[in-house]
Amino acid sequence: MAPQFLHGDLVILSPSAPAVEAQAAVVQLDDQIGVTCKLYKRQGPNVHLVPVNELFPPQTFTASSVRWALRVLARIKP
């Protein structure tokens, strides 16, 4: 079952907690402003970022285009 994130939720990260396969992660990509929070899936030389909302398609990037990816440790509802 996928985690549910709502607009305005806060997520807790740690620089010592890298992204984990099939878990929610905050990802910074090269050449993009800001970050994205998606399910993180690594497959060979590619990283698939899968939105929790199934209305949006997954996106695929080369692993080398990921600056950093940190696991979501907790979610806080404001």
PDB file of N, CA and C in Angstrom:
ATOM      1  N   MET A   1       0.837  -1.166   0.000  1.00  0.00           N
ATOM      2  CA  MET A   1       0.000   0.000   0.000  1.00  0.00           C
ATOM      3  C   MET A   1       0.887   1.236   0.000  1.00  0.00           C
ATOM      4  N   ALA A   2       0.659   2.153  -0.918  1.00  0.00           N
ATOM      5  CA  ALA A   2       1.487   3.345  -1.068  1.00  0.00           C
ATOM      6  C   ALA A   2       1.165   4.358   0.027  1.00  0.00           C
ATOM      7  N   PRO A   3       2.185   5.093   0.459  1.00  0.00           N
ATOM      8  CA  PRO A   3       1.923   6.136   1.443  1.00  0.00           C
ATOM      9  C   PRO A   3       1.091   7.243   0.819  1.00  0.00           C
ATOM     10  N   GLN A   4       0.353   7.968   1.639  1.00  0.00           N
ATOM     11  CA  GLN A   4      -0.462   9.061   1.122  1.00  0.00           C
ATOM     12  C   GLN A   4       0.134  10.379   1.595  1.00  0.00           C
ATOM     13  N   PHE A   5       0.480  11.226   0.635  1.00  0.00           N
ATOM     14  CA  PHE A   5       0.985  12.553   0.931  1.00  0.00           C
ATOM     15  C   PHE A   5      -0.011  13.555   0.381  1.00  0.00           C
ATOM     16  N   LEU A   6      -0.307  14.562   1.171  1.00  0.00           N
ATOM     17  CA  LEU A   6      -1.224  15.602   0.745  1.00  0.00           C
ATOM     18  C   LEU A   6      -0.480  16.918   0.615  1.00  0.00           C
ATOM     19  N   HIS A   7      -0.991  17.775  -0.244  1.00  0.00           N
ATOM     20  CA  HIS A   7      -0.376  19.084  -0.437  1.00  0.00           C
ATOM     21  C   HIS A   7      -0.250  19.796   0.907  1.00  0.00           C
ATOM     22  N   GLY A   8       0.933  20.296   1.215  1.00  0.00           N
ATOM     23  CA  GLY A   8       1.166  20.996   2.471  1.00  0.00           C
ATOM     24  C   GLY A   8       1.739  20.129   3.575  1.00  0.00           C
ATOM     25  N   ASP A   9       1.757  18.816   3.386  1.00  0.00           N
ATOM     26  CA  ASP A   9       2.372  17.944   4.385  1.00  0.00           C
ATOM     27  C   ASP A   9       3.865  18.238   4.465  1.00  0.00           C
ATOM     28  N   LEU A  10       4.429  18.056   5.634  1.00  0.00           N
ATOM     29  CA  LEU A  10       5.872  18.187   5.832  1.00  0.00           C
ATOM     30  C   LEU A  10       6.465  16.789   5.929  1.00  0.00           C
ATOM     31  N   VAL A  11       7.633  16.611   5.363  1.00  0.00           N
ATOM     32  CA  VAL A  11       8.301  15.314   5.468  1.00  0.00           C
ATOM     33  C   VAL A  11       9.629  15.507   6.191  1.00  0.00           C
ATOM     34  N   ILE A  12      10.001  14.494   6.953  1.00  0.00           N
ATOM     35  CA  ILE A  12      11.247  14.504   7.708  1.00  0.00           C
ATOM     36  C   ILE A  12      12.267  13.667   6.953  1.00  0.00           C
ATOM     37  N   LEU A  13      13.447  14.252   6.730  1.00  0.00           N
ATOM     38  CA  LEU A  13      14.548  13.590   6.024  1.00  0.00           C
ATOM     39  C   LEU A  13      15.793  13.629   6.894  1.00  0.00           C
ATOM     40  N   SER A  14      16.761  12.815   6.549  1.00  0.00           N
ATOM     41  CA  SER A  14      18.075  12.876   7.173  1.00  0.00           C
ATOM     42  C   SER A  14      19.115  12.670   6.079  1.00  0.00           C
ATOM     43  N   PRO A  15      20.172  13.473   6.077  1.00  0.00           N
ATOM     44  CA  PRO A  15      21.214  13.264   5.067  1.00  0.00           C
ATOM     45  C   PRO A  15      21.904  11.911   5.200  1.00  0.00           C
ATOM     46  N   SER A  16      21.714  11.241   6.331  1.00  0.00           N
ATOM     47  CA  SER A  16      22.332   9.921   6.519  1.00  0.00           C
ATOM     48  C   SER A  16      21.387   8.773   6.178  1.00  0.00           C
ATOM     49  N   ALA A  17      20.191   9.098   5.608  1.00  0.00           N
ATOM     50  CA  ALA A  17      19.222   8.053   5.259  1.00  0.00           C
ATOM     51  C   ALA A  17      18.947   8.090   3.762  1.00  0.00           C
ATOM     52  N   PRO A  18      19.757   7.380   2.972  1.00  0.00           N
ATOM     53  CA  PRO A  18      19.551   7.386   1.523  1.00  0.00           C
ATOM     54  C   PRO A  18      18.234   6.713   1.129  1.00  0.00           C
ATOM     55  N   ALA A  19      17.791   7.008  -0.072  1.00  0.00           N
ATOM     56  CA  ALA A  19      16.554   6.425  -0.599  1.00  0.00           C
ATOM     57  C   ALA A  19      16.629   4.903  -0.568  1.00  0.00           C
ATOM     58  N   VAL A  20      15.477   4.291  -0.328  1.00  0.00           N
ATOM     59  CA  VAL A  20      15.356   2.838  -0.257  1.00  0.00           C
ATOM     60  C   VAL A  20      14.395   2.392  -1.349  1.00  0.00           C
ATOM     61  N   GLU A  21      14.708   1.300  -1.990  1.00  0.00           N
ATOM     62  CA  GLU A  21      13.897   0.748  -3.075  1.00  0.00           C
ATOM     63  C   GLU A  21      12.423   0.655  -2.696  1.00  0.00           C
ATOM     64  N   ALA A  22      11.559   1.208  -3.558  1.00  0.00           N
ATOM     65  CA  ALA A  22      10.101   1.144  -3.449  1.00  0.00           C
ATOM     66  C   ALA A  22       9.534   1.901  -2.242  1.00  0.00           C
ATOM     67  N   GLN A  23      10.324   2.783  -1.657  1.00  0.00           N
ATOM     68  CA  GLN A  23       9.864   3.608  -0.535  1.00  0.00           C
ATOM     69  C   GLN A  23       9.806   5.066  -0.977  1.00  0.00           C
ATOM     70  N   ALA A  24       9.048   5.871  -0.254  1.00  0.00           N
ATOM     71  CA  ALA A  24       8.949   7.297  -0.562  1.00  0.00           C
ATOM     72  C   ALA A  24      10.302   7.961  -0.337  1.00  0.00           C
ATOM     73  N   ALA A  25      10.657   8.845  -1.263  1.00  0.00           N
ATOM     74  CA  ALA A  25      11.932   9.556  -1.188  1.00  0.00           C
ATOM     75  C   ALA A  25      11.763  10.960  -1.743  1.00  0.00           C
ATOM     76  N   VAL A  26      12.604  11.854  -1.261  1.00  0.00           N
ATOM     77  CA  VAL A  26      12.706  13.193  -1.826  1.00  0.00           C
ATOM     78  C   VAL A  26      13.958  13.184  -2.691  1.00  0.00           C
ATOM     79  N   VAL A  27      13.803  13.610  -3.946  1.00  0.00           N
ATOM     80  CA  VAL A  27      14.873  13.478  -4.931  1.00  0.00           C
ATOM     81  C   VAL A  27      15.186  14.834  -5.549  1.00  0.00           C
ATOM     82  N   GLN A  28      16.482  15.146  -5.651  1.00  0.00           N
ATOM     83  CA  GLN A  28      16.958  16.334  -6.358  1.00  0.00           C
ATOM     84  C   GLN A  28      17.618  15.856  -7.642  1.00  0.00           C
ATOM     85  N   LEU A  29      17.126  16.354  -8.778  1.00  0.00           N
ATOM     86  CA  LEU A  29      17.653  15.974 -10.087  1.00  0.00           C
ATOM     87  C   LEU A  29      18.498  17.100 -10.670  1.00  0.00           C
ATOM     88  N   ASP A  30      19.505  16.740 -11.458  1.00  0.00           N
ATOM     89  CA  ASP A  30      20.304  17.733 -12.169  1.00  0.00           C
ATOM     90  C   ASP A  30      19.406  18.563 -13.070  1.00  0.00           C
ATOM     91  N   ASP A  31      19.753  19.818 -13.249  1.00  0.00           N
ATOM     92  CA  ASP A  31      19.067  20.718 -14.180  1.00  0.00           C
ATOM     93  C   ASP A  31      17.606  20.940 -13.855  1.00  0.00           C
ATOM     94  N   GLN A  32      17.180  20.685 -12.618  1.00  0.00           N
ATOM     95  CA  GLN A  32      15.803  20.978 -12.225  1.00  0.00           C
ATOM     96  C   GLN A  32      15.815  21.795 -10.939  1.00  0.00           C
ATOM     97  N   ILE A  33      14.918  22.760 -10.879  1.00  0.00           N
ATOM     98  CA  ILE A  33      14.777  23.574  -9.682  1.00  0.00           C
ATOM     99  C   ILE A  33      13.838  22.851  -8.730  1.00  0.00           C
ATOM    100  N   GLY A  34      14.179  22.818  -7.466  1.00  0.00           N
ATOM    101  CA  GLY A  34      13.343  22.173  -6.476  1.00  0.00           C
ATOM    102  C   GLY A  34      13.592  20.678  -6.388  1.00  0.00           C
ATOM    103  N   VAL A  35      12.731  20.019  -5.640  1.00  0.00           N
ATOM    104  CA  VAL A  35      12.835  18.576  -5.416  1.00  0.00           C
ATOM    105  C   VAL A  35      11.471  17.949  -5.686  1.00  0.00           C
ATOM    106  N   THR A  36      11.444  16.638  -5.731  1.00  0.00           N
ATOM    107  CA  THR A  36      10.192  15.915  -5.909  1.00  0.00           C
ATOM    108  C   THR A  36      10.109  14.803  -4.869  1.00  0.00           C
ATOM    109  N   CYS A  37       8.904  14.472  -4.459  1.00  0.00           N
ATOM    110  CA  CYS A  37       8.674  13.406  -3.482  1.00  0.00           C
ATOM    111  C   CYS A  37       7.878  12.310  -4.177  1.00  0.00           C
ATOM    112  N   LYS A  38       8.532  11.175  -4.409  1.00  0.00           N
ATOM    113  CA  LYS A  38       7.908  10.080  -5.145  1.00  0.00           C
ATOM    114  C   LYS A  38       8.436   8.745  -4.605  1.00  0.00           C
ATOM    115  N   LEU A  39       7.816   7.650  -5.037  1.00  0.00           N
ATOM    116  CA  LEU A  39       8.361   6.329  -4.725  1.00  0.00           C
ATOM    117  C   LEU A  39       9.600   6.128  -5.583  1.00  0.00           C
ATOM    118  N   TYR A  40      10.657   5.638  -4.985  1.00  0.00           N
ATOM    119  CA  TYR A  40      11.966   5.527  -5.629  1.00  0.00           C
ATOM    120  C   TYR A  40      12.203   4.075  -6.029  1.00  0.00           C
ATOM    121  N   LYS A  41      12.481   3.860  -7.317  1.00  0.00           N
ATOM    122  CA  LYS A  41      12.780   2.509  -7.801  1.00  0.00           C
ATOM    123  C   LYS A  41      13.988   2.571  -8.717  1.00  0.00           C
ATOM    124  N   ARG A  42      15.021   1.846  -8.365  1.00  0.00           N
ATOM    125  CA  ARG A  42      16.255   1.813  -9.155  1.00  0.00           C
ATOM    126  C   ARG A  42      16.260   0.530  -9.968  1.00  0.00           C
ATOM    127  N   GLN A  43      16.543   0.660 -11.268  1.00  0.00           N
ATOM    128  CA  GLN A  43      16.610  -0.513 -12.133  1.00  0.00           C
ATOM    129  C   GLN A  43      17.801  -0.331 -13.071  1.00  0.00           C
ATOM    130  N   GLY A  44      18.882  -1.011 -12.762  1.00  0.00           N
ATOM    131  CA  GLY A  44      20.094  -0.888 -13.570  1.00  0.00           C
ATOM    132  C   GLY A  44      20.583   0.549 -13.580  1.00  0.00           C
ATOM    133  N   PRO A  45      20.813   1.109 -14.776  1.00  0.00           N
ATOM    134  CA  PRO A  45      21.330   2.475 -14.864  1.00  0.00           C
ATOM    135  C   PRO A  45      20.246   3.543 -14.746  1.00  0.00           C
ATOM    136  N   ASN A  46      19.007   3.139 -14.483  1.00  0.00           N
ATOM    137  CA  ASN A  46      17.896   4.087 -14.436  1.00  0.00           C
ATOM    138  C   ASN A  46      17.244   4.146 -13.065  1.00  0.00           C
ATOM    139  N   VAL A  47      16.621   5.289 -12.808  1.00  0.00           N
ATOM    140  CA  VAL A  47      15.814   5.487 -11.602  1.00  0.00           C
ATOM    141  C   VAL A  47      14.407   5.820 -12.068  1.00  0.00           C
ATOM    142  N   HIS A  48      13.434   5.099 -11.532  1.00  0.00           N
ATOM    143  CA  HIS A  48      12.029   5.359 -11.844  1.00  0.00           C
ATOM    144  C   HIS A  48      11.421   6.068 -10.637  1.00  0.00           C
ATOM    145  N   LEU A  49      10.814   7.216 -10.880  1.00  0.00           N
ATOM    146  CA  LEU A  49      10.133   7.963  -9.829  1.00  0.00           C
ATOM    147  C   LEU A  49       8.640   7.812 -10.070  1.00  0.00           C
ATOM    148  N   VAL A  50       7.980   7.157  -9.147  1.00  0.00           N
ATOM    149  CA  VAL A  50       6.578   6.796  -9.314  1.00  0.00           C
ATOM    150  C   VAL A  50       5.719   7.655  -8.384  1.00  0.00           C
ATOM    151  N   PRO A  51       4.815   8.462  -8.948  1.00  0.00           N
ATOM    152  CA  PRO A  51       3.944   9.274  -8.098  1.00  0.00           C
ATOM    153  C   PRO A  51       3.002   8.397  -7.278  1.00  0.00           C
ATOM    154  N   VAL A  52       2.668   8.858  -6.091  1.00  0.00           N
ATOM    155  CA  VAL A  52       1.703   8.147  -5.263  1.00  0.00           C
ATOM    156  C   VAL A  52       0.320   8.239  -5.907  1.00  0.00           C
ATOM    157  N   ASN A  53       0.033   9.359  -6.543  1.00  0.00           N
ATOM    158  CA  ASN A  53      -1.232   9.561  -7.248  1.00  0.00           C
ATOM    159  C   ASN A  53      -1.164   8.824  -8.585  1.00  0.00           C
ATOM    160  N   GLU A  54      -1.971   7.795  -8.754  1.00  0.00           N
ATOM    161  CA  GLU A  54      -1.915   6.963  -9.961  1.00  0.00           C
ATOM    162  C   GLU A  54      -2.390   7.676 -11.223  1.00  0.00           C
ATOM    163  N   LEU A  55      -2.927   8.888 -11.093  1.00  0.00           N
ATOM    164  CA  LEU A  55      -3.338   9.653 -12.271  1.00  0.00           C
ATOM    165  C   LEU A  55      -2.148  10.203 -13.042  1.00  0.00           C
ATOM    166  N   PHE A  56      -0.981  10.211 -12.423  1.00  0.00           N
ATOM    167  CA  PHE A  56       0.223  10.718 -13.061  1.00  0.00           C
ATOM    168  C   PHE A  56       1.151   9.564 -13.418  1.00  0.00           C
ATOM    169  N   PRO A  57       1.826   9.659 -14.559  1.00  0.00           N
ATOM    170  CA  PRO A  57       2.696   8.558 -14.986  1.00  0.00           C
ATOM    171  C   PRO A  57       4.042   8.585 -14.257  1.00  0.00           C
ATOM    172  N   PRO A  58       4.687   7.432 -14.148  1.00  0.00           N
ATOM    173  CA  PRO A  58       6.048   7.392 -13.610  1.00  0.00           C
ATOM    174  C   PRO A  58       7.002   8.111 -14.559  1.00  0.00           C
ATOM    175  N   GLN A  59       8.104   8.586 -14.015  1.00  0.00           N
ATOM    176  CA  GLN A  59       9.137   9.216 -14.820  1.00  0.00           C
ATOM    177  C   GLN A  59      10.422   8.434 -14.648  1.00  0.00           C
ATOM    178  N   THR A  60      11.199   8.342 -15.720  1.00  0.00           N
ATOM    179  CA  THR A  60      12.458   7.605 -15.678  1.00  0.00           C
ATOM    180  C   THR A  60      13.607   8.553 -15.980  1.00  0.00           C
ATOM    181  N   PHE A  61      14.665   8.446 -15.181  1.00  0.00           N
ATOM    182  CA  PHE A  61      15.859   9.261 -15.336  1.00  0.00           C
ATOM    183  C   PHE A  61      17.073   8.354 -15.233  1.00  0.00           C
ATOM    184  N   THR A  62      18.178   8.782 -15.802  1.00  0.00           N
ATOM    185  CA  THR A  62      19.414   8.025 -15.596  1.00  0.00           C
ATOM    186  C   THR A  62      19.858   8.244 -14.155  1.00  0.00           C
ATOM    187  N   ALA A  63      20.441   7.230 -13.555  1.00  0.00           N
ATOM    188  CA  ALA A  63      20.889   7.336 -12.166  1.00  0.00           C
ATOM    189  C   ALA A  63      21.913   8.459 -12.013  1.00  0.00           C
ATOM    190  N   SER A  64      22.680   8.729 -13.056  1.00  0.00           N
ATOM    191  CA  SER A  64      23.689   9.784 -12.974  1.00  0.00           C
ATOM    192  C   SER A  64      23.077  11.181 -12.925  1.00  0.00           C
ATOM    193  N   SER A  65      21.798  11.320 -13.264  1.00  0.00           N
ATOM    194  CA  SER A  65      21.149  12.632 -13.205  1.00  0.00           C
ATOM    195  C   SER A  65      20.539  12.926 -11.834  1.00  0.00           C
ATOM    196  N   VAL A  66      20.630  11.976 -10.920  1.00  0.00           N
ATOM    197  CA  VAL A  66      20.116  12.163  -9.561  1.00  0.00           C
ATOM    198  C   VAL A  66      21.240  12.752  -8.708  1.00  0.00           C
ATOM    199  N   ARG A  67      21.041  13.991  -8.248  1.00  0.00           N
ATOM    200  CA  ARG A  67      22.042  14.616  -7.369  1.00  0.00           C
ATOM    201  C   ARG A  67      22.044  13.937  -6.011  1.00  0.00           C
ATOM    202  N   TRP A  68      20.847  13.801  -5.442  1.00  0.00           N
ATOM    203  CA  TRP A  68      20.694  13.084  -4.182  1.00  0.00           C
ATOM    204  C   TRP A  68      19.272  12.574  -4.061  1.00  0.00           C
ATOM    205  N   ALA A  69      19.111  11.530  -3.259  1.00  0.00           N
ATOM    206  CA  ALA A  69      17.797  10.927  -3.005  1.00  0.00           C
ATOM    207  C   ALA A  69      17.793  10.458  -1.556  1.00  0.00           C
ATOM    208  N   LEU A  70      16.874  11.032  -0.769  1.00  0.00           N
ATOM    209  CA  LEU A  70      16.801  10.718   0.653  1.00  0.00           C
ATOM    210  C   LEU A  70      15.453  10.099   0.997  1.00  0.00           C
ATOM    211  N   ARG A  71      15.497   9.109   1.852  1.00  0.00           N
ATOM    212  CA  ARG A  71      14.295   8.401   2.285  1.00  0.00           C
ATOM    213  C   ARG A  71      13.428   9.304   3.166  1.00  0.00           C
ATOM    214  N   VAL A  72      12.128   9.235   2.976  1.00  0.00           N
ATOM    215  CA  VAL A  72      11.186   9.947   3.846  1.00  0.00           C
ATOM    216  C   VAL A  72      11.074   9.139   5.135  1.00  0.00           C
ATOM    217  N   LEU A  73      11.446   9.762   6.240  1.00  0.00           N
ATOM    218  CA  LEU A  73      11.425   9.075   7.548  1.00  0.00           C
ATOM    219  C   LEU A  73      10.068   9.212   8.233  1.00  0.00           C
ATOM    220  N   ALA A  74       9.397  10.337   7.995  1.00  0.00           N
ATOM    221  CA  ALA A  74       8.108  10.583   8.630  1.00  0.00           C
ATOM    222  C   ALA A  74       7.372  11.679   7.876  1.00  0.00           C
ATOM    223  N   ARG A  75       6.053  11.710   8.075  1.00  0.00           N
ATOM    224  CA  ARG A  75       5.210  12.755   7.478  1.00  0.00           C
ATOM    225  C   ARG A  75       4.473  13.447   8.608  1.00  0.00           C
ATOM    226  N   ILE A  76       4.391  14.765   8.512  1.00  0.00           N
ATOM    227  CA  ILE A  76       3.684  15.556   9.513  1.00  0.00           C
ATOM    228  C   ILE A  76       2.568  16.314   8.820  1.00  0.00           C
ATOM    229  N   LYS A  77       1.364  16.154   9.336  1.00  0.00           N
ATOM    230  CA  LYS A  77       0.238  16.924   8.823  1.00  0.00           C
ATOM    231  C   LYS A  77       0.231  18.272   9.521  1.00  0.00           C
ATOM    232  N   PRO A  78       0.150  19.368   8.778  1.00  0.00           N
ATOM    233  CA  PRO A  78       0.140  20.686   9.438  1.00  0.00           C
ATOM    234  C   PRO A  78      -1.151  20.933  10.197  1.00  0.00           C
TER     235      PRO A  78
END
